[in-house]
């Protein structure tokens, strides 16, 4: 329930330009039993900061438009959320 939910949250953040809070609220609405552990939530918060720095998270007004969009990124030019989390972990290791 924790690891899979974290992957879905990262996907929503990256490809639907949601903040971690917006993604979490959406996911809990769809599947109430999800609950990432504290470690995963901390990683998602750090990931959100990286997305904000790279301007991949939109403003609140743009978020709903992007979330309702039916466009799906091409597999050739989009990274999977697993790769993204792996890269994030690699960059932040001390």
PDB file of N, CA and C in Angstrom:
ATOM      1  N   UNK A   1       0.836  -1.187   0.000  1.00  0.00           N
ATOM      2  CA  UNK A   1       0.000   0.000   0.000  1.00  0.00           C
ATOM      3  C   UNK A   1       0.881   1.252   0.000  1.00  0.00           C
ATOM      4  N   UNK A   2       2.085   1.139   0.505  1.00  0.00           N
ATOM      5  CA  UNK A   2       2.951   2.306   0.656  1.00  0.00           C
ATOM      6  C   UNK A   2       3.810   2.578  -0.584  1.00  0.00           C
ATOM      7  N   UNK A   3       4.513   1.564  -1.060  1.00  0.00           N
ATOM      8  CA  UNK A   3       5.437   1.760  -2.178  1.00  0.00           C
ATOM      9  C   UNK A   3       4.699   2.087  -3.472  1.00  0.00           C
ATOM     10  N   UNK A   4       3.667   1.332  -3.791  1.00  0.00           N
ATOM     11  CA  UNK A   4       2.903   1.583  -5.019  1.00  0.00           C
ATOM     12  C   UNK A   4       2.252   2.961  -4.984  1.00  0.00           C
ATOM     13  N   UNK A   5       1.732   3.333  -3.838  1.00  0.00           N
ATOM     14  CA  UNK A   5       1.110   4.654  -3.703  1.00  0.00           C
ATOM     15  C   UNK A   5       2.138   5.755  -3.932  1.00  0.00           C
ATOM     16  N   UNK A   6       3.345   5.553  -3.468  1.00  0.00           N
ATOM     17  CA  UNK A   6       4.408   6.541  -3.651  1.00  0.00           C
ATOM     18  C   UNK A   6       4.734   6.717  -5.127  1.00  0.00           C
ATOM     19  N   UNK A   7       4.785   5.617  -5.857  1.00  0.00           N
ATOM     20  CA  UNK A   7       5.056   5.679  -7.299  1.00  0.00           C
ATOM     21  C   UNK A   7       3.943   6.447  -8.007  1.00  0.00           C
ATOM     22  N   UNK A   8       2.695   6.158  -7.651  1.00  0.00           N
ATOM     23  CA  UNK A   8       1.560   6.854  -8.267  1.00  0.00           C
ATOM     24  C   UNK A   8       1.603   8.342  -7.922  1.00  0.00           C
ATOM     25  N   UNK A   9       1.908   8.673  -6.687  1.00  0.00           N
ATOM     26  CA  UNK A   9       2.003  10.083  -6.287  1.00  0.00           C
ATOM     27  C   UNK A   9       3.106  10.795  -7.071  1.00  0.00           C
ATOM     28  N   UNK A  10       4.251  10.157  -7.221  1.00  0.00           N
ATOM     29  CA  UNK A  10       5.345  10.758  -7.992  1.00  0.00           C
ATOM     30  C   UNK A  10       4.922  10.974  -9.444  1.00  0.00           C
ATOM     31  N   UNK A  11       4.193  10.017  -9.992  1.00  0.00           N
ATOM     32  CA  UNK A  11       3.692  10.146 -11.366  1.00  0.00           C
ATOM     33  C   UNK A  11       2.753  11.342 -11.486  1.00  0.00           C
ATOM     34  N   UNK A  12       1.811  11.462 -10.549  1.00  0.00           N
ATOM     35  CA  UNK A  12       0.874  12.588 -10.580  1.00  0.00           C
ATOM     36  C   UNK A  12       1.610  13.916 -10.457  1.00  0.00           C
ATOM     37  N   UNK A  13       2.627  13.945  -9.633  1.00  0.00           N
ATOM     38  CA  UNK A  13       3.398  15.174  -9.453  1.00  0.00           C
ATOM     39  C   UNK A  13       4.156  15.533 -10.732  1.00  0.00           C
ATOM     40  N   UNK A  14       4.789  14.558 -11.335  1.00  0.00           N
ATOM     41  CA  UNK A  14       5.633  14.806 -12.507  1.00  0.00           C
ATOM     42  C   UNK A  14       4.816  15.087 -13.763  1.00  0.00           C
ATOM     43  N   UNK A  15       3.837  14.238 -14.048  1.00  0.00           N
ATOM     44  CA  UNK A  15       3.165  14.316 -15.339  1.00  0.00           C
ATOM     45  C   UNK A  15       1.841  15.072 -15.319  1.00  0.00           C
ATOM     46  N   UNK A  16       1.283  15.282 -14.147  1.00  0.00           N
ATOM     47  CA  UNK A  16       0.055  16.079 -14.042  1.00  0.00           C
ATOM     48  C   UNK A  16       0.321  17.385 -13.310  1.00  0.00           C
ATOM     49  N   UNK A  17       1.569  17.636 -12.975  1.00  0.00           N
ATOM     50  CA  UNK A  17       2.016  18.901 -12.386  1.00  0.00           C
ATOM     51  C   UNK A  17       1.301  19.227 -11.079  1.00  0.00           C
ATOM     52  N   UNK A  18       1.081  18.200 -10.277  1.00  0.00           N
ATOM     53  CA  UNK A  18       0.460  18.389  -8.967  1.00  0.00           C
ATOM     54  C   UNK A  18       1.513  18.569  -7.888  1.00  0.00           C
ATOM     55  N   UNK A  19       1.140  19.280  -6.826  1.00  0.00           N
ATOM     56  CA  UNK A  19       1.976  19.295  -5.633  1.00  0.00           C
ATOM     57  C   UNK A  19       1.747  17.969  -4.925  1.00  0.00           C
ATOM     58  N   UNK A  20       2.572  17.647  -3.949  1.00  0.00           N
ATOM     59  CA  UNK A  20       2.397  16.398  -3.212  1.00  0.00           C
ATOM     60  C   UNK A  20       1.039  16.393  -2.504  1.00  0.00           C
ATOM     61  N   UNK A  21       0.614  17.535  -1.994  1.00  0.00           N
ATOM     62  CA  UNK A  21      -0.676  17.622  -1.300  1.00  0.00           C
ATOM     63  C   UNK A  21      -1.832  17.385  -2.259  1.00  0.00           C
ATOM     64  N   UNK A  22      -1.785  18.020  -3.425  1.00  0.00           N
ATOM     65  CA  UNK A  22      -2.853  17.840  -4.415  1.00  0.00           C
ATOM     66  C   UNK A  22      -2.922  16.390  -4.884  1.00  0.00           C
ATOM     67  N   UNK A  23      -1.767  15.810  -5.164  1.00  0.00           N
ATOM     68  CA  UNK A  23      -1.721  14.421  -5.622  1.00  0.00           C
ATOM     69  C   UNK A  23      -2.242  13.477  -4.539  1.00  0.00           C
ATOM     70  N   UNK A  24      -1.844  13.724  -3.287  1.00  0.00           N
ATOM     71  CA  UNK A  24      -2.271  12.875  -2.180  1.00  0.00           C
ATOM     72  C   UNK A  24      -3.788  12.944  -1.996  1.00  0.00           C
ATOM     73  N   UNK A  25      -4.335  14.148  -2.014  1.00  0.00           N
ATOM     74  CA  UNK A  25      -5.796  14.301  -1.866  1.00  0.00           C
ATOM     75  C   UNK A  25      -6.542  13.572  -2.974  1.00  0.00           C
ATOM     76  N   UNK A  26      -6.056  13.707  -4.199  1.00  0.00           N
ATOM     77  CA  UNK A  26      -6.695  13.044  -5.328  1.00  0.00           C
ATOM     78  C   UNK A  26      -6.644  11.527  -5.160  1.00  0.00           C
ATOM     79  N   UNK A  27      -5.481  11.015  -4.798  1.00  0.00           N
ATOM     80  CA  UNK A  27      -5.314   9.569  -4.682  1.00  0.00           C
ATOM     81  C   UNK A  27      -6.134   8.989  -3.531  1.00  0.00           C
ATOM     82  N   UNK A  28      -6.181   9.682  -2.401  1.00  0.00           N
ATOM     83  CA  UNK A  28      -6.977   9.205  -1.262  1.00  0.00           C
ATOM     84  C   UNK A  28      -8.462   9.203  -1.615  1.00  0.00           C
ATOM     85  N   UNK A  29      -8.877  10.176  -2.421  1.00  0.00           N
ATOM     86  CA  UNK A  29     -10.278  10.217  -2.863  1.00  0.00           C
ATOM     87  C   UNK A  29     -10.614   8.989  -3.709  1.00  0.00           C
ATOM     88  N   UNK A  30      -9.668   8.570  -4.546  1.00  0.00           N
ATOM     89  CA  UNK A  30      -9.883   7.422  -5.432  1.00  0.00           C
ATOM     90  C   UNK A  30      -9.654   6.088  -4.729  1.00  0.00           C
ATOM     91  N   UNK A  31      -8.716   6.064  -3.791  1.00  0.00           N
ATOM     92  CA  UNK A  31      -8.362   4.812  -3.098  1.00  0.00           C
ATOM     93  C   UNK A  31      -7.980   5.144  -1.656  1.00  0.00           C
ATOM     94  N   UNK A  32      -8.973   5.178  -0.762  1.00  0.00           N
ATOM     95  CA  UNK A  32      -8.760   5.641   0.616  1.00  0.00           C
ATOM     96  C   UNK A  32      -7.739   4.844   1.432  1.00  0.00           C
ATOM     97  N   UNK A  33      -7.473   3.592   1.088  1.00  0.00           N
ATOM     98  CA  UNK A  33      -6.574   2.781   1.911  1.00  0.00           C
ATOM     99  C   UNK A  33      -5.090   3.062   1.665  1.00  0.00           C
ATOM    100  N   UNK A  34      -4.755   3.904   0.687  1.00  0.00           N
ATOM    101  CA  UNK A  34      -3.334   4.199   0.464  1.00  0.00           C
ATOM    102  C   UNK A  34      -2.801   5.045   1.603  1.00  0.00           C
ATOM    103  N   UNK A  35      -1.562   4.796   1.960  1.00  0.00           N
ATOM    104  CA  UNK A  35      -0.929   5.614   3.001  1.00  0.00           C
ATOM    105  C   UNK A  35       0.574   5.385   2.970  1.00  0.00           C
ATOM    106  N   UNK A  36       1.307   6.193   2.182  1.00  0.00           N
ATOM    107  CA  UNK A  36       2.763   6.033   2.140  1.00  0.00           C
ATOM    108  C   UNK A  36       3.383   6.255   3.519  1.00  0.00           C
ATOM    109  N   UNK A  37       4.434   5.512   3.809  1.00  0.00           N
ATOM    110  CA  UNK A  37       5.092   5.679   5.109  1.00  0.00           C
ATOM    111  C   UNK A  37       5.830   7.018   5.162  1.00  0.00           C
ATOM    112  N   UNK A  38       6.311   7.370   6.344  1.00  0.00           N
ATOM    113  CA  UNK A  38       6.943   8.680   6.544  1.00  0.00           C
ATOM    114  C   UNK A  38       8.175   8.878   5.664  1.00  0.00           C
ATOM    115  N   UNK A  39       8.952   7.834   5.497  1.00  0.00           N
ATOM    116  CA  UNK A  39      10.153   7.938   4.663  1.00  0.00           C
ATOM    117  C   UNK A  39       9.819   8.263   3.219  1.00  0.00           C
ATOM    118  N   UNK A  40       8.804   7.580   2.676  1.00  0.00           N
ATOM    119  CA  UNK A  40       8.385   7.850   1.304  1.00  0.00           C
ATOM    120  C   UNK A  40       7.800   9.252   1.175  1.00  0.00           C
ATOM    121  N   UNK A  41       7.025   9.683   2.169  1.00  0.00           N
ATOM    122  CA  UNK A  41       6.446  11.029   2.111  1.00  0.00           C
ATOM    123  C   UNK A  41       7.555  12.081   2.140  1.00  0.00           C
ATOM    124  N   UNK A  42       8.581  11.846   2.934  1.00  0.00           N
ATOM    125  CA  UNK A  42       9.704  12.782   2.983  1.00  0.00           C
ATOM    126  C   UNK A  42      10.394  12.855   1.620  1.00  0.00           C
ATOM    127  N   UNK A  43      10.582  11.703   0.981  1.00  0.00           N
ATOM    128  CA  UNK A  43      11.174  11.686  -0.356  1.00  0.00           C
ATOM    129  C   UNK A  43      10.297  12.436  -1.351  1.00  0.00           C
ATOM    130  N   UNK A  44       8.974  12.283  -1.234  1.00  0.00           N
ATOM    131  CA  UNK A  44       8.067  12.992  -2.137  1.00  0.00           C
ATOM    132  C   UNK A  44       8.134  14.504  -1.925  1.00  0.00           C
ATOM    133  N   UNK A  45       8.301  14.925  -0.690  1.00  0.00           N
ATOM    134  CA  UNK A  45       8.427  16.359  -0.406  1.00  0.00           C
ATOM    135  C   UNK A  45       9.718  16.900  -1.031  1.00  0.00           C
ATOM    136  N   UNK A  46      10.805  16.151  -0.906  1.00  0.00           N
ATOM    137  CA  UNK A  46      12.063  16.560  -1.541  1.00  0.00           C
ATOM    138  C   UNK A  46      11.910  16.575  -3.064  1.00  0.00           C
ATOM    139  N   UNK A  47      11.218  15.578  -3.587  1.00  0.00           N
ATOM    140  CA  UNK A  47      10.974  15.493  -5.028  1.00  0.00           C
ATOM    141  C   UNK A  47      10.139  16.687  -5.498  1.00  0.00           C
ATOM    142  N   UNK A  48       9.145  17.063  -4.709  1.00  0.00           N
ATOM    143  CA  UNK A  48       8.323  18.228  -5.040  1.00  0.00           C
ATOM    144  C   UNK A  48       9.204  19.480  -5.136  1.00  0.00           C
ATOM    145  N   UNK A  49      10.122  19.642  -4.201  1.00  0.00           N
ATOM    146  CA  UNK A  49      11.033  20.791  -4.242  1.00  0.00           C
ATOM    147  C   UNK A  49      11.873  20.791  -5.517  1.00  0.00           C
ATOM    148  N   UNK A  50      12.326  19.622  -5.946  1.00  0.00           N
ATOM    149  CA  UNK A  50      13.083  19.516  -7.197  1.00  0.00           C
ATOM    150  C   UNK A  50      12.214  19.901  -8.389  1.00  0.00           C
ATOM    151  N   UNK A  51      10.958  19.453  -8.391  1.00  0.00           N
ATOM    152  CA  UNK A  51      10.055  19.792  -9.491  1.00  0.00           C
ATOM    153  C   UNK A  51       9.753  21.289  -9.515  1.00  0.00           C
ATOM    154  N   UNK A  52       9.607  21.878  -8.356  1.00  0.00           N
ATOM    155  CA  UNK A  52       9.350  23.321  -8.284  1.00  0.00           C
ATOM    156  C   UNK A  52      10.559  24.085  -8.823  1.00  0.00           C
ATOM    157  N   UNK A  53      11.749  23.666  -8.440  1.00  0.00           N
ATOM    158  CA  UNK A  53      12.964  24.327  -8.930  1.00  0.00           C
ATOM    159  C   UNK A  53      13.075  24.234 -10.447  1.00  0.00           C
ATOM    160  N   UNK A  54      12.691  23.097 -10.997  1.00  0.00           N
ATOM    161  CA  UNK A  54      12.772  22.921 -12.447  1.00  0.00           C
ATOM    162  C   UNK A  54      11.494  23.385 -13.141  1.00  0.00           C
ATOM    163  N   UNK A  55      10.593  23.976 -12.373  1.00  0.00           N
ATOM    164  CA  UNK A  55       9.329  24.540 -12.865  1.00  0.00           C
ATOM    165  C   UNK A  55       8.448  23.502 -13.558  1.00  0.00           C
ATOM    166  N   UNK A  56       8.468  22.284 -13.054  1.00  0.00           N
ATOM    167  CA  UNK A  56       7.613  21.244 -13.606  1.00  0.00           C
ATOM    168  C   UNK A  56       6.295  21.131 -12.857  1.00  0.00           C
ATOM    169  N   UNK A  57       6.153  21.859 -11.759  1.00  0.00           N
ATOM    170  CA  UNK A  57       4.870  21.923 -11.068  1.00  0.00           C
ATOM    171  C   UNK A  57       4.274  23.283 -11.388  1.00  0.00           C
ATOM    172  N   UNK A  58       3.039  23.269 -11.875  1.00  0.00           N
ATOM    173  CA  UNK A  58       2.375  24.487 -12.310  1.00  0.00           C
ATOM    174  C   UNK A  58       1.707  25.195 -11.150  1.00  0.00           C
ATOM    175  N   UNK A  59       1.276  26.416 -11.407  1.00  0.00           N
ATOM    176  CA  UNK A  59       0.514  27.152 -10.401  1.00  0.00           C
ATOM    177  C   UNK A  59      -0.829  26.467 -10.189  1.00  0.00           C
ATOM    178  N   UNK A  60      -1.529  26.817  -9.128  1.00  0.00           N
ATOM    179  CA  UNK A  60      -2.798  26.176  -8.782  1.00  0.00           C
ATOM    180  C   UNK A  60      -3.809  26.283  -9.908  1.00  0.00           C
ATOM    181  N   UNK A  61      -3.909  27.420 -10.566  1.00  0.00           N
ATOM    182  CA  UNK A  61      -4.887  27.589 -11.642  1.00  0.00           C
ATOM    183  C   UNK A  61      -4.561  26.705 -12.838  1.00  0.00           C
ATOM    184  N   UNK A  62      -3.285  26.484 -13.098  1.00  0.00           N
ATOM    185  CA  UNK A  62      -2.893  25.644 -14.220  1.00  0.00           C
ATOM    186  C   UNK A  62      -2.989  24.160 -13.891  1.00  0.00           C
ATOM    187  N   UNK A  63      -2.954  23.829 -12.611  1.00  0.00           N
ATOM    188  CA  UNK A  63      -2.951  22.430 -12.191  1.00  0.00           C
ATOM    189  C   UNK A  63      -4.210  21.709 -12.624  1.00  0.00           C
ATOM    190  N   UNK A  64      -5.373  22.299 -12.374  1.00  0.00           N
ATOM    191  CA  UNK A  64      -6.617  21.607 -12.715  1.00  0.00           C
ATOM    192  C   UNK A  64      -6.727  21.402 -14.215  1.00  0.00           C
ATOM    193  N   UNK A  65      -6.254  22.358 -15.001  1.00  0.00           N
ATOM    194  CA  UNK A  65      -6.282  22.219 -16.451  1.00  0.00           C
ATOM    195  C   UNK A  65      -5.379  21.074 -16.900  1.00  0.00           C
ATOM    196  N   UNK A  66      -4.184  21.002 -16.338  1.00  0.00           N
ATOM    197  CA  UNK A  66      -3.250  19.938 -16.694  1.00  0.00           C
ATOM    198  C   UNK A  66      -3.754  18.579 -16.225  1.00  0.00           C
ATOM    199  N   UNK A  67      -4.374  18.548 -15.049  1.00  0.00           N
ATOM    200  CA  UNK A  67      -4.848  17.285 -14.491  1.00  0.00           C
ATOM    201  C   UNK A  67      -6.001  16.721 -15.307  1.00  0.00           C
ATOM    202  N   UNK A  68      -6.851  17.599 -15.840  1.00  0.00           N
ATOM    203  CA  UNK A  68      -7.998  17.161 -16.625  1.00  0.00           C
ATOM    204  C   UNK A  68      -7.638  16.884 -18.075  1.00  0.00           C
ATOM    205  N   UNK A  69      -6.422  17.196 -18.463  1.00  0.00           N
ATOM    206  CA  UNK A  69      -5.975  16.979 -19.827  1.00  0.00           C
ATOM    207  C   UNK A  69      -5.914  15.487 -20.128  1.00  0.00           C
ATOM    208  N   UNK A  70      -6.249  15.136 -21.360  1.00  0.00           N
ATOM    209  CA  UNK A  70      -6.198  13.724 -21.743  1.00  0.00           C
ATOM    210  C   UNK A  70      -4.898  13.385 -22.450  1.00  0.00           C
ATOM    211  N   UNK A  71      -4.032  14.358 -22.638  1.00  0.00           N
ATOM    212  CA  UNK A  71      -2.764  14.108 -23.323  1.00  0.00           C
ATOM    213  C   UNK A  71      -1.878  13.218 -22.466  1.00  0.00           C
ATOM    214  N   UNK A  72      -1.307  12.216 -23.098  1.00  0.00           N
ATOM    215  CA  UNK A  72      -0.400  11.298 -22.412  1.00  0.00           C
ATOM    216  C   UNK A  72       0.979  11.482 -23.022  1.00  0.00           C
ATOM    217  N   UNK A  73       2.011  11.671 -22.210  1.00  0.00           N
ATOM    218  CA  UNK A  73       3.346  11.869 -22.770  1.00  0.00           C
ATOM    219  C   UNK A  73       3.830  10.630 -23.511  1.00  0.00           C
ATOM    220  N   UNK A  74       4.566  10.853 -24.562  1.00  0.00           N
ATOM    221  CA  UNK A  74       5.146   9.766 -25.333  1.00  0.00           C
ATOM    222  C   UNK A  74       6.170   9.029 -24.482  1.00  0.00           C
ATOM    223  N   UNK A  75       6.243   7.715 -24.654  1.00  0.00           N
ATOM    224  CA  UNK A  75       7.204   6.945 -23.862  1.00  0.00           C
ATOM    225  C   UNK A  75       8.636   7.256 -24.274  1.00  0.00           C
ATOM    226  N   UNK A  76       8.825   7.799 -25.474  1.00  0.00           N
ATOM    227  CA  UNK A  76      10.174   8.119 -25.936  1.00  0.00           C
ATOM    228  C   UNK A  76      10.766   9.327 -25.235  1.00  0.00           C
ATOM    229  N   UNK A  77       9.918  10.320 -24.894  1.00  0.00           N
ATOM    230  CA  UNK A  77      10.461  11.545 -24.317  1.00  0.00           C
ATOM    231  C   UNK A  77      10.040  11.770 -22.873  1.00  0.00           C
ATOM    232  N   UNK A  78       9.490  10.763 -22.224  1.00  0.00           N
ATOM    233  CA  UNK A  78       9.073  10.910 -20.828  1.00  0.00           C
ATOM    234  C   UNK A  78       9.752   9.834 -19.983  1.00  0.00           C
ATOM    235  N   UNK A  79      10.245  10.243 -18.812  1.00  0.00           N
ATOM    236  CA  UNK A  79      10.868   9.288 -17.895  1.00  0.00           C
ATOM    237  C   UNK A  79       9.786   8.622 -17.062  1.00  0.00           C
ATOM    238  N   UNK A  80      10.007   7.385 -16.709  1.00  0.00           N
ATOM    239  CA  UNK A  80       9.060   6.726 -15.822  1.00  0.00           C
ATOM    240  C   UNK A  80       9.248   7.266 -14.415  1.00  0.00           C
ATOM    241  N   UNK A  81       8.187   7.237 -13.586  1.00  0.00           N
ATOM    242  CA  UNK A  81       8.325   7.725 -12.213  1.00  0.00           C
ATOM    243  C   UNK A  81       9.364   6.945 -11.415  1.00  0.00           C
ATOM    244  N   UNK A  82       9.543   5.670 -11.720  1.00  0.00           N
ATOM    245  CA  UNK A  82      10.524   4.865 -10.996  1.00  0.00           C
ATOM    246  C   UNK A  82      11.929   5.391 -11.281  1.00  0.00           C
ATOM    247  N   UNK A  83      12.220   5.669 -12.544  1.00  0.00           N
ATOM    248  CA  UNK A  83      13.521   6.229 -12.881  1.00  0.00           C
ATOM    249  C   UNK A  83      13.708   7.576 -12.209  1.00  0.00           C
ATOM    250  N   UNK A  84      12.670   8.365 -12.181  1.00  0.00           N
ATOM    251  CA  UNK A  84      12.760   9.688 -11.585  1.00  0.00           C
ATOM    252  C   UNK A  84      13.083   9.590 -10.102  1.00  0.00           C
ATOM    253  N   UNK A  85      12.401   8.711  -9.367  1.00  0.00           N
ATOM    254  CA  UNK A  85      12.685   8.545  -7.947  1.00  0.00           C
ATOM    255  C   UNK A  85      14.090   7.993  -7.732  1.00  0.00           C
ATOM    256  N   UNK A  86      14.498   7.075  -8.594  1.00  0.00           N
ATOM    257  CA  UNK A  86      15.843   6.516  -8.495  1.00  0.00           C
ATOM    258  C   UNK A  86      16.888   7.610  -8.710  1.00  0.00           C
ATOM    259  N   UNK A  87      16.681   8.433  -9.741  1.00  0.00           N
ATOM    260  CA  UNK A  87      17.619   9.519 -10.010  1.00  0.00           C
ATOM    261  C   UNK A  87      17.651  10.513  -8.856  1.00  0.00           C
ATOM    262  N   UNK A  88      16.477  10.800  -8.288  1.00  0.00           N
ATOM    263  CA  UNK A  88      16.416  11.717  -7.156  1.00  0.00           C
ATOM    264  C   UNK A  88      17.216  11.158  -5.984  1.00  0.00           C
ATOM    265  N   UNK A  89      17.029   9.877  -5.704  1.00  0.00           N
ATOM    266  CA  UNK A  89      17.745   9.253  -4.591  1.00  0.00           C
ATOM    267  C   UNK A  89      19.252   9.319  -4.831  1.00  0.00           C
ATOM    268  N   UNK A  90      19.654   9.062  -6.071  1.00  0.00           N
ATOM    269  CA  UNK A  90      21.064   9.089  -6.419  1.00  0.00           C
ATOM    270  C   UNK A  90      21.663  10.491  -6.242  1.00  0.00           C
ATOM    271  N   UNK A  91      20.918  11.520  -6.642  1.00  0.00           N
ATOM    272  CA  UNK A  91      21.405  12.900  -6.543  1.00  0.00           C
ATOM    273  C   UNK A  91      21.505  13.375  -5.106  1.00  0.00           C
ATOM    274  N   UNK A  92      20.633  12.863  -4.235  1.00  0.00           N
ATOM    275  CA  UNK A  92      20.578  13.390  -2.876  1.00  0.00           C
ATOM    276  C   UNK A  92      21.368  12.569  -1.872  1.00  0.00           C
ATOM    277  N   UNK A  93      21.989  11.480  -2.306  1.00  0.00           N
ATOM    278  CA  UNK A  93      22.792  10.677  -1.382  1.00  0.00           C
ATOM    279  C   UNK A  93      24.054  11.429  -1.000  1.00  0.00           C
ATOM    280  N   UNK A  94      24.418  11.285   0.256  1.00  0.00           N
ATOM    281  CA  UNK A  94      25.616  11.964   0.758  1.00  0.00           C
ATOM    282  C   UNK A  94      26.753  10.989   0.860  1.00  0.00           C
TER     283      UNK A  94
END
